[in-house]
């Protein structure tokens, strides 16, 4: 998986847009069935802050523990490349990886073939 959303750069994350942490929003209908699922990272029940992750493969052991809130529609190849960067003993990238652009959509974009939704510089 690729974990992101730590404005502190410490690995501990930051507070949510609501301030502090917020409760899990779990549903039985949403599962970590494959690559591209976007979910909240947490340190236990109801501890969602700023960090989130994107799955690189099915991760059913995360079902019922992490709030799923999105799916990568285009640019999954970029996410897979991020998942392959060299990491240190704490699984942090040895060199900074910066996401310069991501476009959120409410529902699937109308024209996926003409969208450039992710741009990453390593």
Foldseek 3Di string as FASTA:
>chain_A
DAKDFAPVPPVPRAAAPVGFWAFADADPVDAQAFWFWKWFDADFGRRGGGMIDTDHTRDRVCHPTIHTDDGDPPDSVVVVVVVPADADPVRHHPDDKDKDFADDDDPDDPDVVPDDGTDIDD
